[in-house]
Amino acid sequence: MIVGVAVSMVAPRINVAATPVCTGFLPFRTIGGNTAAVRHWWLPRAICGLVNTLKPLQGQGCVEEGSMKIGELAKIAHCTTETIRFYEKERLLPEAERTEANYRSYTAKHVERLRFIRNCRALDMTHDEIRALLRLTDAPANGCGGMHTLVDEHITHIDTRIEELQQLKAQLTTLRDQCHGEHPVEDCGIVHGLTDMDVAVPRPRHTHLG
């Protein structure tokens, strides 16, 4: 399930070389067999290949170089305003400047960072891991060895979690095999099995949900 979620949330690799924020209307773009002029916005390249998980923002209009309100940012990034405020509180997303009317004012850089964060979350990374990745992306001239190390460690955690889930499945399968057919609940082997089992000692969780 973990792998399935990650795959379903990650876009195919795309060539996101440093390009202007807005490419404008691109004529003769075929979508679903229909040819139409479509406005695209591609995120700039961050660091290493991880940025290729970011999706092009299609059908959301063009993000101008100027500012946008929190509701506009939420619409573009497909999230809620509460999510944006939460990431600001967690210091994952830089706080926006305030306008004279005291509205938050966001830019295209906030869009890029927010989508980076959300793709990391889709890959089941913790906030601490995301902070570490963001520190690396904030120094783009440095080598990406730290990026490799962090992702390798995350893969190891996932392998451990998969082993735990396989053990859990085996226990549940054994429990299920203790009862076949229809019986009164008081005679159900599953109930007796759950009653007779040794109380499991909680083990440290390796899941990165949270």
N, C-alpha and C. Protein backbone atom coordinates (compact mmCIF):
# COMPACT_ATOMS: atom_id res chain seq x y z
N MET A 1 0.82 -1.20 0.00
CA MET A 1 0.00 0.00 0.00
C MET A 1 0.86 1.26 0.00
N ILE A 2 1.98 1.19 0.73
CA ILE A 2 2.83 2.37 0.79
C ILE A 2 3.36 2.71 -0.59
N VAL A 3 3.85 1.63 -1.30
CA VAL A 3 4.41 1.87 -2.62
C VAL A 3 3.34 2.39 -3.55
N GLY A 4 2.13 1.81 -3.46
CA GLY A 4 1.04 2.21 -4.34
C GLY A 4 0.71 3.68 -4.17
N VAL A 5 0.69 4.14 -2.93
CA VAL A 5 0.36 5.55 -2.69
C VAL A 5 1.41 6.44 -3.29
N ALA A 6 2.68 6.05 -3.09
CA ALA A 6 3.74 6.89 -3.61
C ALA A 6 3.67 7.00 -5.12
N VAL A 7 3.46 5.85 -5.78
CA VAL A 7 3.43 5.85 -7.23
C VAL A 7 2.27 6.67 -7.75
N SER A 8 1.12 6.53 -7.10
CA SER A 8 -0.07 7.22 -7.59
C SER A 8 0.03 8.72 -7.44
N MET A 9 0.85 9.19 -6.53
CA MET A 9 0.92 10.61 -6.28
C MET A 9 2.05 11.29 -7.04
N VAL A 10 2.95 10.50 -7.64
CA VAL A 10 4.12 11.09 -8.27
C VAL A 10 3.90 11.18 -9.77
N ALA A 11 4.20 12.32 -10.34
CA ALA A 11 4.02 12.52 -11.76
C ALA A 11 5.16 11.86 -12.52
N PRO A 12 4.98 11.54 -13.81
CA PRO A 12 6.06 11.01 -14.62
C PRO A 12 7.19 12.02 -14.69
N ARG A 13 8.39 11.53 -14.97
CA ARG A 13 9.53 12.44 -15.06
C ARG A 13 9.33 13.41 -16.22
N ILE A 14 9.64 14.65 -15.98
CA ILE A 14 9.50 15.67 -17.00
C ILE A 14 10.78 16.46 -17.06
N ASN A 15 11.03 17.07 -18.18
CA ASN A 15 12.22 17.88 -18.34
C ASN A 15 11.91 19.29 -17.88
N VAL A 16 12.34 19.59 -16.66
CA VAL A 16 12.04 20.92 -16.12
C VAL A 16 13.32 21.73 -16.03
N ALA A 17 13.92 21.97 -17.16
CA ALA A 17 15.08 22.86 -17.19
C ALA A 17 14.62 24.25 -16.79
N ALA A 18 15.59 25.07 -16.40
CA ALA A 18 15.22 26.41 -15.95
C ALA A 18 14.53 27.15 -17.09
N THR A 19 13.27 27.43 -16.91
CA THR A 19 12.46 28.08 -17.93
C THR A 19 11.75 29.26 -17.31
N PRO A 20 11.22 30.16 -18.13
CA PRO A 20 10.41 31.25 -17.56
C PRO A 20 9.26 30.68 -16.75
N VAL A 21 8.81 31.44 -15.78
CA VAL A 21 7.72 30.98 -14.94
C VAL A 21 6.49 30.66 -15.76
N CYS A 22 6.18 31.49 -16.73
CA CYS A 22 4.99 31.27 -17.54
C CYS A 22 5.37 31.14 -18.99
N THR A 23 4.97 30.06 -19.65
CA THR A 23 5.28 29.88 -21.06
C THR A 23 4.16 30.40 -21.93
N GLY A 24 3.06 30.84 -21.33
CA GLY A 24 1.97 31.41 -22.11
C GLY A 24 1.16 30.36 -22.82
N PHE A 25 0.49 30.73 -23.91
CA PHE A 25 -0.33 29.79 -24.64
C PHE A 25 0.53 29.00 -25.62
N LEU A 26 0.37 27.70 -25.60
CA LEU A 26 1.09 26.83 -26.52
C LEU A 26 0.09 26.27 -27.52
N PRO A 27 0.11 26.69 -28.78
CA PRO A 27 -0.88 26.22 -29.74
C PRO A 27 -0.64 24.78 -30.15
N PHE A 28 -1.69 24.14 -30.63
CA PHE A 28 -1.62 22.80 -31.18
C PHE A 28 -1.14 21.77 -30.17
N ARG A 29 -1.57 21.93 -28.96
CA ARG A 29 -1.27 20.94 -27.92
C ARG A 29 -2.41 19.94 -27.91
N THR A 30 -2.13 18.66 -28.13
CA THR A 30 -3.17 17.65 -28.20
C THR A 30 -3.46 17.08 -26.83
N ILE A 31 -4.70 17.16 -26.40
CA ILE A 31 -5.13 16.61 -25.11
C ILE A 31 -6.38 15.79 -25.34
N GLY A 32 -6.30 14.50 -25.06
CA GLY A 32 -7.46 13.63 -25.24
C GLY A 32 -7.96 13.61 -26.67
N GLY A 33 -7.03 13.73 -27.63
CA GLY A 33 -7.43 13.67 -29.02
C GLY A 33 -7.86 15.00 -29.58
N ASN A 34 -8.00 16.01 -28.75
CA ASN A 34 -8.43 17.33 -29.20
C ASN A 34 -7.24 18.28 -29.21
N THR A 35 -7.18 19.09 -30.25
CA THR A 35 -6.10 20.06 -30.35
C THR A 35 -6.59 21.40 -29.85
N ALA A 36 -5.84 21.99 -28.93
CA ALA A 36 -6.28 23.27 -28.37
C ALA A 36 -5.07 24.05 -27.90
N ALA A 37 -5.27 25.33 -27.73
CA ALA A 37 -4.23 26.17 -27.15
C ALA A 37 -4.35 26.09 -25.65
N VAL A 38 -3.30 25.67 -24.99
CA VAL A 38 -3.35 25.44 -23.55
C VAL A 38 -2.28 26.28 -22.88
N ARG A 39 -2.65 26.91 -21.79
CA ARG A 39 -1.70 27.71 -21.02
C ARG A 39 -1.03 26.81 -19.99
N HIS A 40 0.29 26.80 -19.97
CA HIS A 40 1.05 25.93 -19.07
C HIS A 40 1.93 26.77 -18.16
N TRP A 41 2.19 26.23 -16.99
CA TRP A 41 3.17 26.83 -16.09
C TRP A 41 4.02 25.72 -15.53
N TRP A 42 5.34 25.80 -15.73
CA TRP A 42 6.25 24.77 -15.25
C TRP A 42 7.05 25.32 -14.08
N LEU A 43 7.27 24.46 -13.11
CA LEU A 43 8.08 24.89 -11.97
C LEU A 43 9.55 24.90 -12.35
N PRO A 44 10.35 25.85 -11.84
CA PRO A 44 11.78 25.87 -12.12
C PRO A 44 12.46 24.65 -11.51
N ARG A 45 13.65 24.34 -11.99
CA ARG A 45 14.41 23.22 -11.45
C ARG A 45 14.92 23.56 -10.06
N ALA A 46 14.84 22.61 -9.14
CA ALA A 46 15.38 22.84 -7.79
C ALA A 46 16.74 22.16 -7.71
N ILE A 47 16.78 20.94 -7.16
CA ILE A 47 18.06 20.26 -7.01
C ILE A 47 17.88 18.80 -7.31
N CYS A 48 18.86 18.23 -8.07
CA CYS A 48 18.91 16.81 -8.35
C CYS A 48 17.62 16.36 -9.04
N GLY A 49 17.39 15.04 -9.19
CA GLY A 49 16.23 14.55 -9.91
C GLY A 49 14.95 14.58 -9.12
N LEU A 50 15.01 14.86 -7.81
CA LEU A 50 13.80 14.80 -7.00
C LEU A 50 12.77 15.81 -7.45
N VAL A 51 13.22 16.92 -8.02
CA VAL A 51 12.28 17.95 -8.45
C VAL A 51 11.38 17.44 -9.57
N ASN A 52 11.78 16.39 -10.25
CA ASN A 52 10.96 15.86 -11.33
C ASN A 52 9.67 15.23 -10.84
N THR A 53 9.50 15.13 -9.54
CA THR A 53 8.21 14.66 -9.03
C THR A 53 7.17 15.76 -9.08
N LEU A 54 7.60 16.99 -9.33
CA LEU A 54 6.65 18.09 -9.38
C LEU A 54 5.88 18.04 -10.68
N LYS A 55 4.60 18.32 -10.62
CA LYS A 55 3.75 18.24 -11.79
C LYS A 55 3.60 19.61 -12.44
N PRO A 56 3.47 19.63 -13.79
CA PRO A 56 3.13 20.90 -14.42
C PRO A 56 1.73 21.29 -14.02
N LEU A 57 1.52 22.56 -13.81
CA LEU A 57 0.21 23.03 -13.40
C LEU A 57 -0.61 23.32 -14.64
N GLN A 58 -1.50 22.40 -14.99
CA GLN A 58 -2.29 22.56 -16.19
C GLN A 58 -3.72 22.91 -15.82
N GLY A 59 -4.31 23.75 -16.64
CA GLY A 59 -5.71 24.08 -16.45
C GLY A 59 -5.97 25.01 -15.28
N GLN A 60 -4.91 25.56 -14.70
CA GLN A 60 -5.09 26.44 -13.55
C GLN A 60 -4.80 27.90 -13.89
N GLY A 61 -4.59 28.18 -15.16
CA GLY A 61 -4.25 29.54 -15.53
C GLY A 61 -2.77 29.78 -15.34
N CYS A 62 -2.34 30.94 -15.68
CA CYS A 62 -0.92 31.27 -15.62
C CYS A 62 -0.60 32.00 -14.33
N VAL A 63 0.44 31.53 -13.64
CA VAL A 63 0.87 32.20 -12.41
C VAL A 63 1.77 33.36 -12.79
N GLU A 64 1.34 34.55 -12.47
CA GLU A 64 2.11 35.72 -12.84
C GLU A 64 3.29 35.87 -11.88
N GLU A 65 4.23 36.73 -12.27
CA GLU A 65 5.39 36.98 -11.44
C GLU A 65 5.00 37.74 -10.17
N GLY A 66 3.83 38.34 -10.15
CA GLY A 66 3.40 39.11 -9.00
C GLY A 66 2.95 38.23 -7.86
N SER A 67 2.06 38.77 -7.05
CA SER A 67 1.64 38.06 -5.85
C SER A 67 0.25 37.47 -6.00
N MET A 68 -0.10 36.62 -5.06
CA MET A 68 -1.42 36.00 -5.04
C MET A 68 -1.85 35.86 -3.59
N LYS A 69 -3.14 35.77 -3.38
CA LYS A 69 -3.67 35.58 -2.04
C LYS A 69 -3.63 34.11 -1.67
N ILE A 70 -3.88 33.82 -0.39
CA ILE A 70 -3.76 32.44 0.09
C ILE A 70 -4.77 31.53 -0.60
N GLY A 71 -5.96 32.02 -0.89
CA GLY A 71 -6.95 31.19 -1.57
C GLY A 71 -6.52 30.83 -2.97
N GLU A 72 -5.86 31.77 -3.66
CA GLU A 72 -5.36 31.50 -5.01
C GLU A 72 -4.24 30.48 -4.97
N LEU A 73 -3.35 30.60 -3.99
CA LEU A 73 -2.28 29.61 -3.84
C LEU A 73 -2.85 28.23 -3.56
N ALA A 74 -3.85 28.16 -2.69
CA ALA A 74 -4.46 26.87 -2.36
C ALA A 74 -5.09 26.23 -3.59
N LYS A 75 -5.72 27.03 -4.43
CA LYS A 75 -6.36 26.50 -5.64
C LYS A 75 -5.32 25.96 -6.61
N ILE A 76 -4.24 26.69 -6.80
CA ILE A 76 -3.20 26.26 -7.72
C ILE A 76 -2.52 24.99 -7.23
N ALA A 77 -2.26 24.91 -5.93
CA ALA A 77 -1.54 23.77 -5.36
C ALA A 77 -2.47 22.61 -4.98
N HIS A 78 -3.78 22.76 -5.21
CA HIS A 78 -4.75 21.71 -4.90
C HIS A 78 -4.69 21.31 -3.42
N CYS A 79 -4.74 22.29 -2.55
CA CYS A 79 -4.77 22.01 -1.12
C CYS A 79 -5.67 23.05 -0.45
N THR A 80 -5.78 22.98 0.85
CA THR A 80 -6.62 23.93 1.58
C THR A 80 -5.78 25.06 2.15
N THR A 81 -6.45 26.14 2.49
CA THR A 81 -5.73 27.25 3.13
C THR A 81 -5.22 26.84 4.50
N GLU A 82 -5.94 25.92 5.16
CA GLU A 82 -5.48 25.42 6.47
C GLU A 82 -4.15 24.69 6.32
N THR A 83 -4.00 23.94 5.23
CA THR A 83 -2.74 23.23 4.98
C THR A 83 -1.59 24.23 4.83
N ILE A 84 -1.84 25.29 4.10
CA ILE A 84 -0.80 26.31 3.90
C ILE A 84 -0.41 26.94 5.23
N ARG A 85 -1.39 27.30 6.02
CA ARG A 85 -1.09 27.91 7.33
C ARG A 85 -0.34 26.94 8.23
N PHE A 86 -0.71 25.66 8.15
CA PHE A 86 -0.04 24.65 8.97
C PHE A 86 1.43 24.53 8.59
N TYR A 87 1.72 24.50 7.29
CA TYR A 87 3.11 24.39 6.85
C TYR A 87 3.91 25.65 7.21
N GLU A 88 3.24 26.78 7.22
CA GLU A 88 3.90 28.00 7.68
C GLU A 88 4.23 27.90 9.17
N LYS A 89 3.28 27.40 9.94
CA LYS A 89 3.49 27.24 11.38
C LYS A 89 4.62 26.26 11.67
N GLU A 90 4.72 25.21 10.83
CA GLU A 90 5.78 24.22 11.00
C GLU A 90 7.11 24.68 10.42
N ARG A 91 7.12 25.89 9.87
CA ARG A 91 8.33 26.47 9.29
C ARG A 91 8.85 25.67 8.10
N LEU A 92 7.95 25.01 7.42
CA LEU A 92 8.30 24.35 6.17
C LEU A 92 8.12 25.31 5.00
N LEU A 93 7.09 26.10 5.07
CA LEU A 93 6.79 27.09 4.04
C LEU A 93 7.07 28.48 4.60
N PRO A 94 7.88 29.28 3.92
CA PRO A 94 8.16 30.63 4.43
C PRO A 94 6.88 31.45 4.55
N GLU A 95 6.80 32.21 5.61
CA GLU A 95 5.63 33.06 5.77
C GLU A 95 5.58 34.11 4.67
N ALA A 96 4.38 34.39 4.22
CA ALA A 96 4.22 35.37 3.16
C ALA A 96 4.31 36.78 3.72
N GLU A 97 4.70 37.69 2.85
CA GLU A 97 4.68 39.09 3.25
C GLU A 97 3.23 39.56 3.33
N ARG A 98 3.03 40.64 4.02
CA ARG A 98 1.69 41.18 4.18
C ARG A 98 1.53 42.43 3.32
N THR A 99 0.35 42.56 2.74
CA THR A 99 0.04 43.77 1.97
C THR A 99 -0.37 44.88 2.93
N GLU A 100 -0.59 46.06 2.39
CA GLU A 100 -1.03 47.17 3.23
C GLU A 100 -2.38 46.88 3.86
N ALA A 101 -3.17 46.04 3.18
CA ALA A 101 -4.48 45.65 3.74
C ALA A 101 -4.36 44.45 4.66
N ASN A 102 -3.11 44.02 4.96
CA ASN A 102 -2.82 42.91 5.87
C ASN A 102 -3.19 41.55 5.30
N TYR A 103 -3.26 41.43 3.97
CA TYR A 103 -3.47 40.13 3.33
C TYR A 103 -2.11 39.47 3.11
N ARG A 104 -2.09 38.13 3.23
CA ARG A 104 -0.87 37.41 2.88
C ARG A 104 -0.63 37.54 1.37
N SER A 105 0.62 37.74 1.00
CA SER A 105 0.96 37.90 -0.41
C SER A 105 1.98 36.83 -0.81
N TYR A 106 1.54 35.87 -1.62
CA TYR A 106 2.39 34.75 -2.02
C TYR A 106 2.90 34.93 -3.44
N THR A 107 4.00 34.24 -3.75
CA THR A 107 4.60 34.32 -5.08
C THR A 107 4.76 32.92 -5.66
N ALA A 108 5.29 32.87 -6.88
CA ALA A 108 5.51 31.59 -7.55
C ALA A 108 6.47 30.70 -6.75
N LYS A 109 7.39 31.32 -6.01
CA LYS A 109 8.31 30.52 -5.19
C LYS A 109 7.57 29.75 -4.11
N HIS A 110 6.50 30.33 -3.58
CA HIS A 110 5.68 29.61 -2.60
C HIS A 110 4.99 28.42 -3.25
N VAL A 111 4.56 28.59 -4.50
CA VAL A 111 3.91 27.48 -5.21
C VAL A 111 4.89 26.33 -5.37
N GLU A 112 6.10 26.64 -5.81
CA GLU A 112 7.11 25.61 -6.01
C GLU A 112 7.41 24.87 -4.71
N ARG A 113 7.61 25.63 -3.65
CA ARG A 113 7.97 25.02 -2.36
C ARG A 113 6.81 24.20 -1.80
N LEU A 114 5.60 24.70 -1.94
CA LEU A 114 4.44 23.99 -1.43
C LEU A 114 4.24 22.67 -2.15
N ARG A 115 4.38 22.66 -3.45
CA ARG A 115 4.23 21.41 -4.20
C ARG A 115 5.36 20.44 -3.87
N PHE A 116 6.57 20.96 -3.66
CA PHE A 116 7.69 20.12 -3.24
C PHE A 116 7.36 19.43 -1.92
N ILE A 117 6.86 20.20 -0.96
CA ILE A 117 6.51 19.66 0.36
C ILE A 117 5.44 18.59 0.23
N ARG A 118 4.40 18.87 -0.54
CA ARG A 118 3.28 17.93 -0.64
C ARG A 118 3.69 16.66 -1.37
N ASN A 119 4.61 16.76 -2.33
CA ASN A 119 5.10 15.55 -2.98
C ASN A 119 5.96 14.72 -2.02
N CYS A 120 6.72 15.39 -1.18
CA CYS A 120 7.48 14.67 -0.15
C CYS A 120 6.54 13.94 0.80
N ARG A 121 5.46 14.59 1.19
CA ARG A 121 4.47 13.97 2.08
C ARG A 121 3.82 12.77 1.40
N ALA A 122 3.58 12.89 0.09
CA ALA A 122 3.00 11.77 -0.65
C ALA A 122 3.95 10.58 -0.67
N LEU A 123 5.25 10.85 -0.53
CA LEU A 123 6.24 9.78 -0.44
C LEU A 123 6.47 9.35 1.00
N ASP A 124 5.57 9.78 1.90
CA ASP A 124 5.56 9.33 3.30
C ASP A 124 6.76 9.85 4.10
N MET A 125 7.26 11.01 3.75
CA MET A 125 8.38 11.59 4.48
C MET A 125 7.88 12.41 5.65
N THR A 126 8.64 12.40 6.73
CA THR A 126 8.28 13.17 7.91
C THR A 126 8.63 14.64 7.69
N HIS A 127 8.12 15.48 8.57
CA HIS A 127 8.44 16.90 8.48
C HIS A 127 9.93 17.14 8.69
N ASP A 128 10.56 16.38 9.56
CA ASP A 128 12.00 16.55 9.78
C ASP A 128 12.78 16.20 8.52
N GLU A 129 12.36 15.14 7.84
CA GLU A 129 13.04 14.77 6.59
C GLU A 129 12.85 15.86 5.54
N ILE A 130 11.64 16.40 5.48
CA ILE A 130 11.37 17.46 4.50
C ILE A 130 12.21 18.69 4.81
N ARG A 131 12.34 19.02 6.09
CA ARG A 131 13.18 20.17 6.46
C ARG A 131 14.61 19.96 6.00
N ALA A 132 15.10 18.73 6.18
CA ALA A 132 16.47 18.43 5.75
C ALA A 132 16.60 18.58 4.24
N LEU A 133 15.60 18.10 3.51
CA LEU A 133 15.63 18.23 2.05
C LEU A 133 15.59 19.70 1.63
N LEU A 134 14.77 20.47 2.31
CA LEU A 134 14.65 21.89 1.97
C LEU A 134 15.95 22.63 2.26
N ARG A 135 16.64 22.24 3.33
CA ARG A 135 17.94 22.88 3.60
C ARG A 135 18.91 22.60 2.45
N LEU A 136 18.83 21.39 1.90
CA LEU A 136 19.69 21.05 0.77
C LEU A 136 19.31 21.84 -0.47
N THR A 137 18.03 21.97 -0.73
CA THR A 137 17.59 22.71 -1.92
C THR A 137 17.87 24.20 -1.79
N ASP A 138 17.99 24.68 -0.56
CA ASP A 138 18.30 26.10 -0.36
C ASP A 138 19.77 26.41 -0.62
N ALA A 139 20.57 25.37 -0.84
CA ALA A 139 21.98 25.56 -1.21
C ALA A 139 22.24 24.79 -2.50
N PRO A 140 21.66 25.24 -3.62
CA PRO A 140 21.67 24.47 -4.87
C PRO A 140 23.05 24.24 -5.46
N ALA A 141 24.04 25.05 -5.07
CA ALA A 141 25.38 24.89 -5.63
C ALA A 141 26.13 23.74 -4.98
N ASN A 142 25.69 23.29 -3.82
CA ASN A 142 26.36 22.19 -3.12
C ASN A 142 26.05 20.86 -3.79
N GLY A 143 26.84 19.85 -3.47
CA GLY A 143 26.60 18.52 -4.01
C GLY A 143 25.33 17.91 -3.43
N CYS A 144 24.79 16.91 -4.12
CA CYS A 144 23.53 16.32 -3.69
C CYS A 144 23.72 15.00 -2.95
N GLY A 145 24.93 14.78 -2.39
CA GLY A 145 25.17 13.56 -1.63
C GLY A 145 24.25 13.44 -0.43
N GLY A 146 23.99 14.56 0.23
CA GLY A 146 23.07 14.54 1.37
C GLY A 146 21.68 14.13 0.97
N MET A 147 21.26 14.53 -0.23
CA MET A 147 19.96 14.13 -0.75
C MET A 147 19.91 12.62 -0.92
N HIS A 148 20.98 12.05 -1.49
CA HIS A 148 21.03 10.60 -1.68
C HIS A 148 20.94 9.87 -0.35
N THR A 149 21.71 10.35 0.63
CA THR A 149 21.73 9.70 1.94
C THR A 149 20.36 9.71 2.59
N LEU A 150 19.69 10.84 2.55
CA LEU A 150 18.38 10.95 3.19
C LEU A 150 17.36 10.03 2.53
N VAL A 151 17.35 10.01 1.21
CA VAL A 151 16.38 9.15 0.51
C VAL A 151 16.71 7.68 0.75
N ASP A 152 18.00 7.33 0.77
CA ASP A 152 18.38 5.94 1.06
C ASP A 152 17.91 5.52 2.45
N GLU A 153 18.05 6.41 3.43
CA GLU A 153 17.59 6.10 4.78
C GLU A 153 16.07 5.93 4.81
N HIS A 154 15.39 6.74 4.03
CA HIS A 154 13.93 6.64 3.98
C HIS A 154 13.51 5.30 3.37
N ILE A 155 14.23 4.87 2.35
CA ILE A 155 13.94 3.56 1.73
C ILE A 155 14.14 2.44 2.75
N THR A 156 15.19 2.56 3.57
CA THR A 156 15.44 1.55 4.61
C THR A 156 14.30 1.50 5.61
N HIS A 157 13.79 2.67 6.01
CA HIS A 157 12.65 2.71 6.93
C HIS A 157 11.43 2.04 6.31
N ILE A 158 11.22 2.27 5.02
CA ILE A 158 10.07 1.66 4.35
C ILE A 158 10.23 0.15 4.28
N ASP A 159 11.46 -0.33 4.00
CA ASP A 159 11.71 -1.77 3.99
C ASP A 159 11.37 -2.39 5.35
N THR A 160 11.78 -1.70 6.42
CA THR A 160 11.48 -2.19 7.77
C THR A 160 9.98 -2.24 8.01
N ARG A 161 9.29 -1.20 7.58
CA ARG A 161 7.83 -1.16 7.76
C ARG A 161 7.14 -2.25 6.96
N ILE A 162 7.64 -2.53 5.76
CA ILE A 162 7.07 -3.61 4.95
C ILE A 162 7.22 -4.95 5.66
N GLU A 163 8.39 -5.18 6.27
CA GLU A 163 8.60 -6.42 7.03
C GLU A 163 7.61 -6.51 8.18
N GLU A 164 7.40 -5.39 8.88
CA GLU A 164 6.44 -5.38 9.99
C GLU A 164 5.03 -5.69 9.50
N LEU A 165 4.66 -5.13 8.37
CA LEU A 165 3.33 -5.37 7.82
C LEU A 165 3.17 -6.82 7.37
N GLN A 166 4.24 -7.41 6.83
CA GLN A 166 4.18 -8.82 6.44
C GLN A 166 4.00 -9.72 7.66
N GLN A 167 4.68 -9.39 8.76
CA GLN A 167 4.50 -10.15 9.99
C GLN A 167 3.09 -9.98 10.53
N LEU A 168 2.56 -8.78 10.45
CA LEU A 168 1.20 -8.53 10.89
C LEU A 168 0.20 -9.32 10.06
N LYS A 169 0.42 -9.37 8.76
CA LYS A 169 -0.46 -10.14 7.89
C LYS A 169 -0.43 -11.62 8.24
N ALA A 170 0.77 -12.14 8.53
CA ALA A 170 0.89 -13.55 8.90
C ALA A 170 0.13 -13.84 10.19
N GLN A 171 0.22 -12.94 11.16
CA GLN A 171 -0.50 -13.13 12.42
C GLN A 171 -2.01 -13.11 12.19
N LEU A 172 -2.47 -12.19 11.38
CA LEU A 172 -3.91 -12.09 11.11
C LEU A 172 -4.40 -13.30 10.33
N THR A 173 -3.58 -13.80 9.41
CA THR A 173 -3.96 -14.99 8.64
C THR A 173 -4.10 -16.20 9.56
N THR A 174 -3.14 -16.35 10.48
CA THR A 174 -3.22 -17.45 11.45
C THR A 174 -4.47 -17.32 12.32
N LEU A 175 -4.76 -16.11 12.73
CA LEU A 175 -5.95 -15.87 13.55
C LEU A 175 -7.22 -16.20 12.77
N ARG A 176 -7.25 -15.79 11.53
CA ARG A 176 -8.44 -16.04 10.71
C ARG A 176 -8.67 -17.54 10.50
N ASP A 177 -7.60 -18.29 10.41
CA ASP A 177 -7.70 -19.73 10.18
C ASP A 177 -8.25 -20.49 11.38
N GLN A 178 -8.40 -19.82 12.50
CA GLN A 178 -8.91 -20.49 13.70
C GLN A 178 -10.42 -20.58 13.72
N CYS A 179 -11.07 -20.01 12.73
CA CYS A 179 -12.53 -20.08 12.69
C CYS A 179 -13.01 -20.19 11.25
N HIS A 180 -13.79 -21.26 10.99
CA HIS A 180 -14.37 -21.46 9.67
C HIS A 180 -15.85 -21.77 9.84
N GLY A 181 -16.64 -21.30 8.92
CA GLY A 181 -18.07 -21.55 9.03
C GLY A 181 -18.73 -20.58 9.99
N GLU A 182 -20.03 -20.76 10.16
CA GLU A 182 -20.83 -19.87 11.01
C GLU A 182 -20.98 -20.48 12.40
N HIS A 183 -20.61 -19.71 13.43
CA HIS A 183 -20.72 -20.16 14.81
C HIS A 183 -21.25 -19.02 15.66
N PRO A 184 -21.78 -19.34 16.84
CA PRO A 184 -22.07 -18.27 17.80
C PRO A 184 -20.76 -17.56 18.14
N VAL A 185 -20.85 -16.29 18.40
CA VAL A 185 -19.65 -15.51 18.68
C VAL A 185 -18.86 -16.10 19.85
N GLU A 186 -19.59 -16.66 20.85
CA GLU A 186 -18.89 -17.21 22.01
C GLU A 186 -18.05 -18.43 21.65
N ASP A 187 -18.34 -19.05 20.51
CA ASP A 187 -17.56 -20.21 20.07
C ASP A 187 -16.58 -19.86 18.96
N CYS A 188 -16.49 -18.61 18.62
CA CYS A 188 -15.64 -18.19 17.49
C CYS A 188 -14.16 -18.33 17.85
N GLY A 189 -13.42 -19.03 17.01
CA GLY A 189 -11.99 -19.22 17.25
C GLY A 189 -11.20 -17.92 17.22
N ILE A 190 -11.69 -16.95 16.44
CA ILE A 190 -10.99 -15.67 16.39
C ILE A 190 -11.06 -14.97 17.74
N VAL A 191 -12.25 -15.01 18.36
CA VAL A 191 -12.42 -14.40 19.68
C VAL A 191 -11.51 -15.07 20.69
N HIS A 192 -11.50 -16.42 20.68
CA HIS A 192 -10.64 -17.15 21.62
C HIS A 192 -9.17 -16.87 21.34
N GLY A 193 -8.83 -16.79 20.06
CA GLY A 193 -7.44 -16.51 19.71
C GLY A 193 -6.99 -15.15 20.22
N LEU A 194 -7.84 -14.16 20.05
CA LEU A 194 -7.50 -12.82 20.53
C LEU A 194 -7.40 -12.77 22.05
N THR A 195 -8.22 -13.59 22.72
CA THR A 195 -8.20 -13.63 24.18
C THR A 195 -6.96 -14.34 24.69
N ASP A 196 -6.54 -15.40 24.00
CA ASP A 196 -5.43 -16.23 24.47
C ASP A 196 -4.06 -15.71 24.04
N MET A 197 -4.02 -14.82 23.09
CA MET A 197 -2.72 -14.32 22.61
C MET A 197 -1.99 -13.58 23.72
N ASP A 198 -0.65 -13.71 23.72
CA ASP A 198 0.15 -12.90 24.62
C ASP A 198 0.01 -11.44 24.21
N VAL A 199 -0.06 -10.58 25.20
CA VAL A 199 -0.17 -9.16 24.89
C VAL A 199 1.09 -8.70 24.18
N ALA A 200 0.90 -8.16 23.00
CA ALA A 200 2.05 -7.74 22.21
C ALA A 200 2.71 -6.53 22.84
N VAL A 201 4.04 -6.55 22.86
CA VAL A 201 4.80 -5.40 23.36
C VAL A 201 4.91 -4.40 22.23
N PRO A 202 4.45 -3.17 22.45
CA PRO A 202 4.52 -2.17 21.37
C PRO A 202 5.96 -1.98 20.90
N ARG A 203 6.11 -1.97 19.58
CA ARG A 203 7.42 -1.73 19.00
C ARG A 203 7.47 -0.33 18.40
N PRO A 204 8.68 0.21 18.29
CA PRO A 204 8.80 1.54 17.69
C PRO A 204 8.21 1.53 16.29
N ARG A 205 7.44 2.55 15.98
CA ARG A 205 6.84 2.64 14.66
C ARG A 205 7.86 3.21 13.68
N HIS A 206 7.91 2.61 12.49
CA HIS A 206 8.81 3.11 11.46
C HIS A 206 8.05 3.80 10.34
N THR A 207 6.74 3.85 10.49
CA THR A 207 5.97 4.53 9.46
C THR A 207 6.30 6.01 9.44
N HIS A 208 6.19 6.63 8.29
CA HIS A 208 6.49 8.06 8.17
C HIS A 208 5.23 8.86 7.96
N LEU A 209 4.11 8.31 8.38
CA LEU A 209 2.88 9.08 8.35
C LEU A 209 2.86 9.98 9.57
N GLY A 210 2.56 11.24 9.39
CA GLY A 210 2.51 12.14 10.52
C GLY A 210 3.15 13.47 10.21
